[in-house]
Amino acid sequence: MRFDHITTLSIDQLDLDVGNYRFRKADDQRECIEKIHRTSPPAFTDMLRSIANDELGEPLLVYVDENDNNIVMDGNRRAAAVKVLQDPHLAPTETLRHRARELKATTDFDFDNIVVQVSRDKPLILNTIRERHSAGGGVSRMKWPALARARFGYDNNPQAEADWKIIALLYRLEELNPSLTDYFDSSEYKHDVFRRILPVAIEKGVISQNIFSERNRNVKRSQTALVNDARRKCSRIFNDIKNGTIGLSRAEGIYADRDGVEAYLDRFPLSRDNQQRQTESEPTDDTQQEDTDTEQQNDQTPSTEDTGSQAEPQTTTTPTPSTGRGNITIIPSASVDAAIRASGSTKLRELYDSICTVSLNMHPSLVTMGAWAFLESLANRIGKHDNVSIDSFFNKRKMREWWPGTPYSNRVNDSFRALVYIREEANAVKHSARYHTLNAHNLIGHFQCLEHLILKALELPEEN
């Protein structure tokens, strides 16, 4: 027997594991119960009934930490059910609370003598959990969900975890947008689908391989632009998984086998480094020119735009904006992105994704027009009429009602100036035969100023 020490403890002496791999993290014991219940309410109710009518089953596996806390490392679902059975007020729903009261009135379960295997040797406990839940290959006896198995494997031995890039990216995305934790813990997230998509996305160049550190088995913090590109694309993938656009059902949507995933990913542009690599590998018609001529031509030829299409050669002497070192884009806001997706507006999502993807230095007029279209659509959604400009609709008076008082005067003024600039610049591009935007880098600052306004607009009810 691996554990020599088997004893009994009362349910009050046992703590649920707030870092349980089924749900990643919880703030306290009550939230542990809520998250365990949320993974499958019917299964939790069945377990509650089974424990009340029969018994707990095999001993719980308990780690005694340095503060002598008895933490349930394996058997958290059963321990959570026992806690609810003992104290029905802990039940997350009124229906479960009522059922727990009924079962408690008739059960003879002994809450003070729960059989547990106890150890202070955490590596031994973790190895036992691995064999029970995540080893696979005929070793695993109790099946964990795919995400829980992958989390456990990555946290305890990332060098041996085959899917480490998937978990490393999910952890980084959670760090950038903490609200994703609840999504990953919900039934709407299908890890078995995402784990089929991401490796192919990396292989095809949709998500850059360069964001990953092979040595450290994590996502690099130095590759901000490429990570943001991956974040936007993953947000779209998560939304498509949630809506059933792609999944493991052959009856509807795209079936996530290899062919289906490749066809699905054809809708996405390559990551920027892969676009550049693709462009550099394409042959030219000037292979016989002198090296100096080639260098001069390359200096004058803009790089490709984010969609991967080749830029047109220069045909006029009109000055063009400098490309600098790589493409520059509007910096996407995680809060705005989440609010747009929560709104359910496909148009706003696609416009926002586009203006945060297309290069400001290579396509300034295009991004300016896209920014105007996004703000017009946002205003139209909440009641703006066609003959009203965005700065007249989102006027200072309205903004002062949203944010009254002197502390918000800079926010109001900066937001209004940004709206006026975008509207005037886009109008000039649209109506003039010659005028075009040479530098759209200031859109980065304008959209930072407009973040609060965009979020406020998305909170308001849609008007037909």
Protein backbone atom coordinates (compact mmCIF):
# COMPACT_ATOMS: atom_id res chain seq x y z
CA MET A 1 0.00 0.00 0.00
CA ARG A 2 1.42 3.38 -1.04
CA PHE A 3 -0.05 5.27 1.96
CA ASP A 4 0.67 3.78 5.35
CA HIS A 5 -1.40 6.30 7.25
CA ILE A 6 -5.15 5.77 6.95
CA THR A 7 -7.32 7.50 9.51
CA THR A 8 -10.70 9.14 9.99
CA LEU A 9 -11.48 12.85 10.13
CA SER A 10 -14.69 14.82 10.45
CA ILE A 11 -15.93 16.75 7.41
CA ASP A 12 -15.30 19.99 9.35
CA GLN A 13 -11.60 19.09 9.54
CA LEU A 14 -11.31 18.80 5.76
CA ASP A 15 -10.68 21.68 3.36
CA LEU A 16 -11.51 21.50 -0.32
CA ASP A 17 -8.60 22.27 -2.65
CA VAL A 18 -9.00 25.87 -3.89
CA GLY A 19 -6.53 25.03 -6.67
CA ASN A 20 -8.50 22.02 -7.89
CA TYR A 21 -7.59 21.23 -11.49
CA ARG A 22 -11.22 20.93 -12.50
CA PHE A 23 -11.68 24.67 -12.09
CA ARG A 24 -8.18 26.09 -11.69
CA LYS A 25 -8.81 28.37 -8.68
CA ALA A 26 -11.42 29.50 -6.17
CA ASP A 27 -11.36 32.21 -3.53
CA ASP A 28 -12.83 30.19 -0.68
CA GLN A 29 -14.56 26.94 0.29
CA ARG A 30 -18.00 28.10 -0.76
CA GLU A 31 -16.77 29.05 -4.23
CA CYS A 32 -15.12 25.61 -4.49
CA ILE A 33 -18.52 24.02 -3.96
CA GLU A 34 -20.15 26.38 -6.46
CA LYS A 35 -17.57 25.63 -9.16
CA ILE A 36 -17.65 21.89 -8.58
CA HIS A 37 -21.45 21.95 -8.78
CA ARG A 38 -21.36 24.11 -11.92
CA THR A 39 -19.31 21.57 -13.87
CA SER A 40 -22.30 19.19 -13.82
CA PRO A 41 -25.30 19.94 -11.57
CA PRO A 42 -27.06 16.61 -12.34
CA ALA A 43 -23.92 14.63 -11.49
CA PHE A 44 -23.49 16.56 -8.24
CA THR A 45 -27.09 15.82 -7.22
CA ASP A 46 -26.63 12.13 -8.07
CA MET A 47 -23.46 12.02 -5.96
CA LEU A 48 -25.25 13.71 -3.05
CA ARG A 49 -27.99 11.09 -3.21
CA SER A 50 -25.51 8.22 -3.54
CA ILE A 51 -23.50 9.31 -0.49
CA ALA A 52 -26.64 9.84 1.60
CA ASN A 53 -28.08 6.44 0.67
CA ASP A 54 -24.92 4.33 0.48
CA GLU A 55 -21.43 5.47 1.41
CA LEU A 56 -18.53 7.71 0.39
CA GLY A 57 -16.60 5.06 -1.51
CA GLU A 58 -12.83 4.81 -1.47
CA PRO A 59 -10.87 6.96 1.02
CA LEU A 60 -10.25 10.61 0.23
CA LEU A 61 -6.64 11.54 -0.49
CA VAL A 62 -5.53 14.30 1.91
CA TYR A 63 -2.38 16.43 1.99
CA VAL A 64 -1.38 17.90 5.36
CA ASP A 65 0.35 21.21 4.67
CA GLU A 66 2.91 23.11 6.73
CA ASN A 67 0.10 24.73 8.75
CA ASP A 68 -1.50 21.34 9.50
CA ASN A 69 -4.46 22.05 7.22
CA ASN A 70 -6.05 18.89 5.84
CA ILE A 71 -6.51 19.61 2.14
CA VAL A 72 -8.46 17.16 0.00
CA MET A 73 -6.28 16.60 -3.05
CA ASP A 74 -8.35 13.81 -4.58
CA GLY A 75 -12.06 13.32 -3.97
CA ASN A 76 -13.10 16.99 -3.94
CA ARG A 77 -16.45 16.31 -5.61
CA ARG A 78 -17.36 13.75 -2.99
CA ALA A 79 -16.09 15.95 -0.15
CA ALA A 80 -18.08 18.92 -1.51
CA ALA A 81 -21.22 16.78 -1.64
CA VAL A 82 -20.67 15.70 1.97
CA LYS A 83 -20.27 19.33 3.05
CA VAL A 84 -23.56 20.24 1.36
CA LEU A 85 -25.26 17.20 2.88
CA GLN A 86 -24.09 18.22 6.34
CA ASP A 87 -24.94 21.92 5.83
CA PRO A 88 -27.57 22.43 3.09
CA HIS A 89 -27.07 26.21 3.31
CA LEU A 90 -23.84 25.68 1.35
CA ALA A 91 -25.81 24.45 -1.67
CA PRO A 92 -25.40 26.84 -4.64
CA THR A 93 -29.08 26.63 -5.68
CA GLU A 94 -32.38 26.54 -3.86
CA THR A 95 -33.34 23.30 -5.60
CA LEU A 96 -30.16 21.58 -4.41
CA ARG A 97 -30.60 23.08 -0.94
CA HIS A 98 -34.10 21.60 -0.71
CA ARG A 99 -32.86 18.20 -1.89
CA ALA A 100 -29.98 18.25 0.61
CA ARG A 101 -32.38 18.95 3.49
CA GLU A 102 -34.54 15.99 2.45
CA LEU A 103 -31.55 13.65 2.24
CA LYS A 104 -30.04 14.84 5.52
CA ALA A 105 -33.30 14.11 7.34
CA THR A 106 -33.13 10.43 6.37
CA THR A 107 -29.41 9.63 6.05
CA ASP A 108 -27.31 7.88 8.65
CA PHE A 109 -24.04 9.07 7.11
CA ASP A 110 -21.34 9.60 9.76
CA PHE A 111 -19.96 13.11 9.19
CA ASP A 112 -17.40 12.70 11.99
CA ASN A 113 -15.67 9.56 10.73
CA ILE A 114 -14.67 9.94 7.10
CA VAL A 115 -11.94 7.54 6.00
CA VAL A 116 -8.93 9.35 4.51
CA GLN A 117 -5.44 8.54 3.30
CA VAL A 118 -3.12 11.18 4.72
CA SER A 119 0.39 12.26 3.76
CA ARG A 120 2.74 15.21 4.08
CA ASP A 121 4.60 14.02 0.98
CA LYS A 122 3.09 16.20 -1.74
CA PRO A 123 5.10 14.69 -4.66
CA LEU A 124 3.80 11.25 -3.67
CA ILE A 125 0.22 12.55 -3.62
CA LEU A 126 0.60 14.31 -6.97
CA ASN A 127 2.04 11.19 -8.58
CA THR A 128 -0.92 9.19 -7.26
CA ILE A 129 -3.34 11.74 -8.69
CA ARG A 130 -1.54 11.60 -12.03
CA GLU A 131 -1.93 7.82 -12.17
CA ARG A 132 -5.59 8.00 -11.21
CA HIS A 133 -6.69 10.82 -13.50
CA SER A 134 -4.23 11.94 -16.13
CA ALA A 135 -1.81 9.17 -16.98
CA GLY A 136 -3.83 7.62 -19.77
CA GLY A 137 -2.57 4.61 -21.68
CA GLY A 138 -4.57 2.23 -19.54
CA VAL A 139 -3.18 3.53 -16.24
CA SER A 140 -5.78 6.15 -15.46
CA ARG A 141 -8.70 4.73 -13.45
CA MET A 142 -10.87 7.80 -12.94
CA LYS A 143 -11.36 10.11 -15.89
CA TRP A 144 -10.89 13.84 -15.35
CA PRO A 145 -12.11 16.34 -17.95
CA ALA A 146 -9.53 17.03 -20.67
CA LEU A 147 -8.78 20.54 -19.41
CA ALA A 148 -8.24 19.35 -15.82
CA ARG A 149 -5.85 16.62 -16.98
CA ALA A 150 -3.89 19.07 -19.11
CA ARG A 151 -3.69 21.66 -16.32
CA PHE A 152 -2.44 19.05 -13.88
CA GLY A 153 0.16 17.73 -16.31
CA TYR A 154 1.44 21.21 -17.20
CA ASP A 155 1.66 22.47 -13.62
CA ASN A 156 3.48 19.42 -12.32
CA ASN A 157 5.66 18.39 -15.25
CA PRO A 158 5.52 20.85 -18.17
CA GLN A 159 8.49 19.24 -19.89
CA ALA A 160 6.53 16.01 -20.29
CA GLU A 161 3.16 17.57 -21.14
CA ALA A 162 2.47 17.10 -24.85
CA ASP A 163 -0.16 19.87 -24.92
CA TRP A 164 1.92 22.38 -22.98
CA LYS A 165 1.50 25.15 -25.57
CA ILE A 166 -2.27 24.98 -25.23
CA ILE A 167 -2.23 25.33 -21.45
CA ALA A 168 0.55 27.94 -21.50
CA LEU A 169 -1.50 30.07 -23.89
CA LEU A 170 -4.71 29.61 -21.87
CA TYR A 171 -2.91 30.72 -18.71
CA ARG A 172 -1.54 33.78 -20.50
CA LEU A 173 -4.98 34.66 -21.86
CA GLU A 174 -6.46 34.31 -18.36
CA GLU A 175 -3.79 36.67 -17.09
CA LEU A 176 -4.69 39.24 -19.77
CA ASN A 177 -8.43 38.78 -19.24
CA PRO A 178 -9.32 37.25 -15.83
CA SER A 179 -12.98 36.90 -16.83
CA LEU A 180 -11.93 34.03 -19.09
CA THR A 181 -11.47 31.84 -16.00
CA ASP A 182 -15.23 31.53 -15.57
CA TYR A 183 -15.62 30.73 -19.27
CA PHE A 184 -12.99 27.97 -19.12
CA ASP A 185 -14.73 26.51 -16.06
CA SER A 186 -18.13 26.56 -17.76
CA SER A 187 -19.77 23.98 -19.99
CA GLU A 188 -19.57 26.45 -22.89
CA TYR A 189 -15.82 25.89 -23.24
CA LYS A 190 -14.93 22.67 -25.03
CA HIS A 191 -11.28 21.87 -24.43
CA ASP A 192 -11.39 18.81 -26.67
CA VAL A 193 -12.29 21.16 -29.54
CA PHE A 194 -9.72 23.87 -28.76
CA ARG A 195 -6.92 21.33 -28.37
CA ARG A 196 -7.63 20.21 -31.95
CA ILE A 197 -7.60 23.77 -33.29
CA LEU A 198 -4.53 25.36 -31.69
CA PRO A 199 -1.82 22.96 -32.95
CA VAL A 200 -3.10 23.34 -36.51
CA ALA A 201 -3.30 27.13 -36.07
CA ILE A 202 0.37 27.15 -35.07
CA GLU A 203 1.32 24.78 -37.89
CA LYS A 204 -0.49 26.91 -40.49
CA GLY A 205 1.00 30.14 -39.16
CA VAL A 206 -2.29 31.65 -37.98
CA ILE A 207 -0.84 31.86 -34.47
CA SER A 208 2.88 32.49 -34.28
CA GLN A 209 5.22 29.81 -33.02
CA ASN A 210 7.46 32.64 -31.83
CA ILE A 211 5.26 33.48 -28.84
CA PHE A 212 6.27 30.22 -27.15
CA SER A 213 9.48 29.53 -25.22
CA GLU A 214 10.48 25.91 -25.77
CA ARG A 215 13.01 26.05 -22.95
CA ASN A 216 10.73 27.58 -20.32
CA ARG A 217 7.52 25.99 -21.61
CA ASN A 218 5.57 29.23 -21.42
CA VAL A 219 4.40 32.22 -23.47
CA LYS A 220 7.06 34.88 -23.95
CA ARG A 221 6.36 38.29 -22.45
CA SER A 222 8.56 40.01 -25.01
CA GLN A 223 6.28 39.23 -27.98
CA THR A 224 3.48 41.62 -27.08
CA ALA A 225 2.17 42.26 -30.60
CA LEU A 226 2.14 38.58 -31.56
CA VAL A 227 0.50 37.61 -28.25
CA ASN A 228 -2.20 40.25 -28.79
CA ASP A 229 -2.75 38.85 -32.28
CA ALA A 230 -3.14 35.36 -30.78
CA ARG A 231 -5.49 36.74 -28.11
CA ARG A 232 -7.82 38.29 -30.68
CA LYS A 233 -7.89 35.13 -32.76
CA CYS A 234 -8.47 32.92 -29.71
CA SER A 235 -11.36 35.17 -28.64
CA ARG A 236 -12.95 34.53 -32.00
CA ILE A 237 -12.28 30.79 -31.72
CA PHE A 238 -13.79 30.66 -28.21
CA ASN A 239 -16.88 32.47 -29.46
CA ASP A 240 -17.20 30.05 -32.39
CA ILE A 241 -16.85 27.07 -30.04
CA LYS A 242 -19.50 28.56 -27.75
CA ASN A 243 -21.89 29.17 -30.67
CA GLY A 244 -21.34 25.74 -32.21
CA THR A 245 -19.70 27.11 -35.36
CA ILE A 246 -17.04 24.42 -34.88
CA GLY A 247 -17.25 21.41 -32.58
CA LEU A 248 -17.51 17.65 -32.29
CA SER A 249 -21.05 17.34 -33.58
CA ARG A 250 -21.42 16.16 -37.16
CA ALA A 251 -25.01 17.35 -37.23
CA GLU A 252 -24.28 21.08 -37.16
CA GLY A 253 -21.39 23.46 -37.73
CA ILE A 254 -17.88 22.45 -38.80
CA TYR A 255 -16.74 19.08 -37.49
CA ALA A 256 -13.37 19.54 -35.78
CA ASP A 257 -11.41 16.81 -37.53
CA ARG A 258 -8.17 17.70 -39.30
CA ASP A 259 -9.83 18.68 -42.59
CA GLY A 260 -12.55 20.68 -40.84
CA VAL A 261 -10.07 22.54 -38.64
CA GLU A 262 -7.87 23.43 -41.62
CA ALA A 263 -10.86 24.73 -43.58
CA TYR A 264 -12.03 26.71 -40.55
CA LEU A 265 -8.60 28.30 -40.04
CA ASP A 266 -8.47 29.38 -43.67
CA ARG A 267 -10.78 32.21 -42.55
CA PHE A 268 -8.00 33.68 -40.39
CA PRO A 269 -5.03 35.77 -41.57
CA LEU A 270 -1.51 34.60 -40.84
CA SER A 271 0.30 36.09 -37.88
CA ARG A 272 2.38 39.10 -38.83
CA ASP A 273 5.76 37.39 -38.66
CA ASN A 274 4.45 34.58 -40.85
CA GLN A 275 3.03 37.10 -43.34
CA GLN A 276 6.43 38.73 -43.58
CA ARG A 277 8.18 35.37 -43.96
CA GLN A 278 5.73 34.38 -46.68
CA THR A 279 6.34 37.63 -48.56
CA GLU A 280 10.11 37.34 -48.29
CA SER A 281 10.01 33.80 -49.69
CA GLU A 282 8.07 34.78 -52.82
CA PRO A 283 10.28 35.12 -55.95
CA THR A 284 10.49 38.44 -57.82
CA ASP A 285 10.89 39.26 -61.50
CA ASP A 286 14.08 41.20 -60.86
CA THR A 287 16.42 38.38 -59.86
CA GLN A 288 19.03 39.49 -62.42
CA GLN A 289 19.41 43.03 -61.01
CA GLU A 290 22.46 44.22 -59.15
CA ASP A 291 22.40 43.84 -55.36
CA THR A 292 22.36 47.61 -54.94
CA ASP A 293 19.34 47.93 -57.21
CA THR A 294 17.54 45.20 -55.30
CA GLU A 295 18.25 46.88 -51.98
CA GLN A 296 16.98 50.19 -53.32
CA GLN A 297 13.77 48.58 -54.60
CA ASN A 298 13.17 46.83 -51.27
CA ASP A 299 13.57 50.14 -49.43
CA GLN A 300 10.84 51.65 -51.60
CA THR A 301 8.38 48.74 -51.55
CA PRO A 302 5.97 48.55 -48.60
CA SER A 303 5.49 45.25 -46.80
CA THR A 304 2.27 43.26 -47.06
CA GLU A 305 -0.90 44.19 -45.20
CA ASP A 306 -2.26 42.07 -42.35
CA THR A 307 -4.57 40.03 -44.56
CA GLY A 308 -1.54 38.61 -46.37
CA SER A 309 -2.24 40.27 -49.76
CA GLN A 310 0.70 41.87 -51.54
CA ALA A 311 1.01 45.63 -51.50
CA GLU A 312 0.79 47.48 -54.81
CA PRO A 313 4.04 48.98 -56.14
CA GLN A 314 4.64 52.71 -55.84
CA THR A 315 3.29 54.52 -58.91
CA THR A 316 3.48 58.16 -57.76
CA THR A 317 5.90 60.39 -55.93
CA THR A 318 3.47 60.95 -53.05
CA PRO A 319 5.34 60.46 -49.75
CA THR A 320 4.36 57.31 -47.88
CA PRO A 321 4.43 56.76 -44.14
CA SER A 322 7.47 55.01 -42.76
CA THR A 323 7.00 51.37 -41.94
CA GLY A 324 9.47 51.52 -39.07
CA ARG A 325 10.30 48.16 -37.53
CA GLY A 326 7.25 46.03 -38.28
CA ASN A 327 3.59 46.88 -38.50
CA ILE A 328 1.88 49.07 -35.90
CA THR A 329 -1.77 48.62 -34.99
CA ILE A 330 -4.37 50.04 -32.63
CA ILE A 331 -3.80 48.35 -29.27
CA PRO A 332 -6.83 46.17 -28.53
CA SER A 333 -8.53 46.53 -25.15
CA ALA A 334 -9.40 43.27 -23.41
CA SER A 335 -12.34 45.01 -21.69
CA VAL A 336 -13.72 46.38 -24.96
CA ASP A 337 -13.21 43.07 -26.72
CA ALA A 338 -15.06 41.17 -23.98
CA ALA A 339 -17.92 43.72 -23.93
CA ILE A 340 -18.34 43.56 -27.71
CA ARG A 341 -18.52 39.78 -27.65
CA ALA A 342 -20.97 39.89 -24.75
CA SER A 343 -23.17 42.22 -26.82
CA GLY A 344 -23.55 39.55 -29.50
CA SER A 345 -22.93 42.04 -32.33
CA THR A 346 -21.09 40.26 -35.12
CA LYS A 347 -20.63 43.52 -37.03
CA LEU A 348 -18.99 45.35 -34.12
CA ARG A 349 -16.78 42.33 -33.37
CA GLU A 350 -15.55 42.07 -36.95
CA LEU A 351 -14.97 45.82 -37.26
CA TYR A 352 -13.05 45.98 -33.98
CA ASP A 353 -10.96 42.93 -34.85
CA SER A 354 -10.16 44.49 -38.23
CA ILE A 355 -9.10 47.93 -37.02
CA CYS A 356 -6.90 46.28 -34.37
CA THR A 357 -5.28 44.06 -37.00
CA VAL A 358 -4.74 46.20 -40.11
CA SER A 359 -1.45 48.10 -40.13
CA LEU A 360 -1.60 51.80 -39.23
CA ASN A 361 1.65 52.58 -41.03
CA MET A 362 0.88 50.62 -44.20
CA HIS A 363 -2.86 51.35 -44.54
CA PRO A 364 -3.60 54.56 -42.58
CA SER A 365 -6.60 55.61 -44.69
CA LEU A 366 -8.16 52.16 -44.46
CA VAL A 367 -7.86 52.00 -40.66
CA THR A 368 -9.20 55.56 -40.33
CA MET A 369 -12.28 54.65 -42.34
CA GLY A 370 -12.68 51.45 -40.33
CA ALA A 371 -12.45 53.36 -37.03
CA TRP A 372 -15.18 55.74 -38.21
CA ALA A 373 -17.37 52.82 -39.36
CA PHE A 374 -16.93 51.13 -35.97
CA LEU A 375 -17.95 54.24 -34.02
CA GLU A 376 -20.86 54.98 -36.39
CA SER A 377 -22.13 51.40 -35.97
CA LEU A 378 -21.74 51.63 -32.20
CA ALA A 379 -23.79 54.84 -32.12
CA ASN A 380 -26.41 53.53 -34.58
CA ARG A 381 -26.90 50.51 -32.33
CA ILE A 382 -28.16 52.74 -29.49
CA GLY A 383 -30.29 55.15 -31.49
CA LYS A 384 -28.20 57.54 -33.62
CA HIS A 385 -29.90 58.67 -36.81
CA ASP A 386 -28.17 58.78 -40.18
CA ASN A 387 -28.01 62.58 -40.36
CA VAL A 388 -26.31 62.93 -36.95
CA SER A 389 -22.52 62.82 -36.59
CA ILE A 390 -20.84 60.66 -33.97
CA ASP A 391 -19.55 63.69 -32.04
CA SER A 392 -23.02 65.27 -32.08
CA PHE A 393 -24.56 62.04 -30.81
CA PHE A 394 -21.87 61.39 -28.19
CA ASN A 395 -21.83 65.08 -27.25
CA LYS A 396 -20.20 66.59 -24.18
CA ARG A 397 -23.54 67.12 -22.46
CA LYS A 398 -24.36 63.44 -22.73
CA MET A 399 -20.90 62.44 -21.53
CA ARG A 400 -21.15 64.77 -18.53
CA GLU A 401 -24.39 63.01 -17.57
CA TRP A 402 -22.49 59.72 -17.66
CA TRP A 403 -19.45 61.09 -15.83
CA PRO A 404 -20.46 64.18 -13.83
CA GLY A 405 -18.07 66.43 -12.00
CA THR A 406 -14.61 67.93 -12.40
CA PRO A 407 -12.68 64.65 -11.92
CA TYR A 408 -14.04 63.42 -15.24
CA SER A 409 -13.58 66.63 -17.26
CA ASN A 410 -10.43 65.34 -18.97
CA ARG A 411 -12.16 62.11 -19.91
CA VAL A 412 -15.06 64.03 -21.48
CA ASN A 413 -12.82 66.47 -23.36
CA ASP A 414 -10.38 63.81 -24.59
CA SER A 415 -13.19 61.53 -25.75
CA PHE A 416 -14.89 64.37 -27.62
CA ARG A 417 -11.66 65.46 -29.33
CA ALA A 418 -11.02 61.89 -30.44
CA LEU A 419 -14.51 61.61 -31.94
CA VAL A 420 -14.13 64.93 -33.82
CA TYR A 421 -10.72 63.97 -35.18
CA ILE A 422 -11.83 60.55 -36.43
CA ARG A 423 -15.00 61.93 -38.01
CA GLU A 424 -13.23 64.83 -39.75
CA GLU A 425 -10.32 62.72 -40.97
CA ALA A 426 -12.58 59.95 -42.31
CA ASN A 427 -14.88 62.47 -44.01
CA ALA A 428 -11.92 64.08 -45.74
CA VAL A 429 -10.67 60.70 -46.97
CA LYS A 430 -14.15 59.70 -48.11
CA HIS A 431 -15.15 62.85 -49.99
CA SER A 432 -11.86 64.13 -51.42
CA ALA A 433 -10.44 62.82 -54.67
CA ARG A 434 -6.88 63.49 -53.53
CA TYR A 435 -6.76 63.70 -49.75
CA HIS A 436 -5.59 60.59 -47.91
CA THR A 437 -4.24 59.89 -44.44
CA LEU A 438 -0.43 59.67 -44.32
CA ASN A 439 -0.07 58.72 -40.66
CA ALA A 440 -2.74 57.09 -38.50
CA HIS A 441 -0.57 56.35 -35.46
CA ASN A 442 -2.54 58.84 -33.36
CA LEU A 443 -5.52 56.46 -33.56
CA ILE A 444 -3.73 54.44 -30.87
CA GLY A 445 -4.12 57.31 -28.41
CA HIS A 446 -7.61 58.20 -29.60
CA PHE A 447 -8.91 54.69 -28.95
CA GLN A 448 -7.33 54.68 -25.52
CA CYS A 449 -9.22 57.92 -24.80
CA LEU A 450 -12.44 56.40 -26.17
CA GLU A 451 -12.33 53.16 -24.17
CA HIS A 452 -14.68 54.38 -21.42
CA LEU A 453 -17.13 55.79 -23.96
CA ILE A 454 -17.17 52.54 -25.96
CA LEU A 455 -17.76 50.47 -22.82
CA LYS A 456 -20.55 52.82 -21.71
CA ALA A 457 -22.22 52.59 -25.13
CA LEU A 458 -22.08 48.81 -25.02
CA GLU A 459 -23.81 48.83 -21.62
CA LEU A 460 -26.83 50.66 -23.07
CA PRO A 461 -29.78 48.70 -24.50
CA GLU A 462 -29.87 48.23 -28.25
CA GLU A 463 -32.50 50.23 -30.11
CA ASN A 464 -34.09 48.87 -33.29
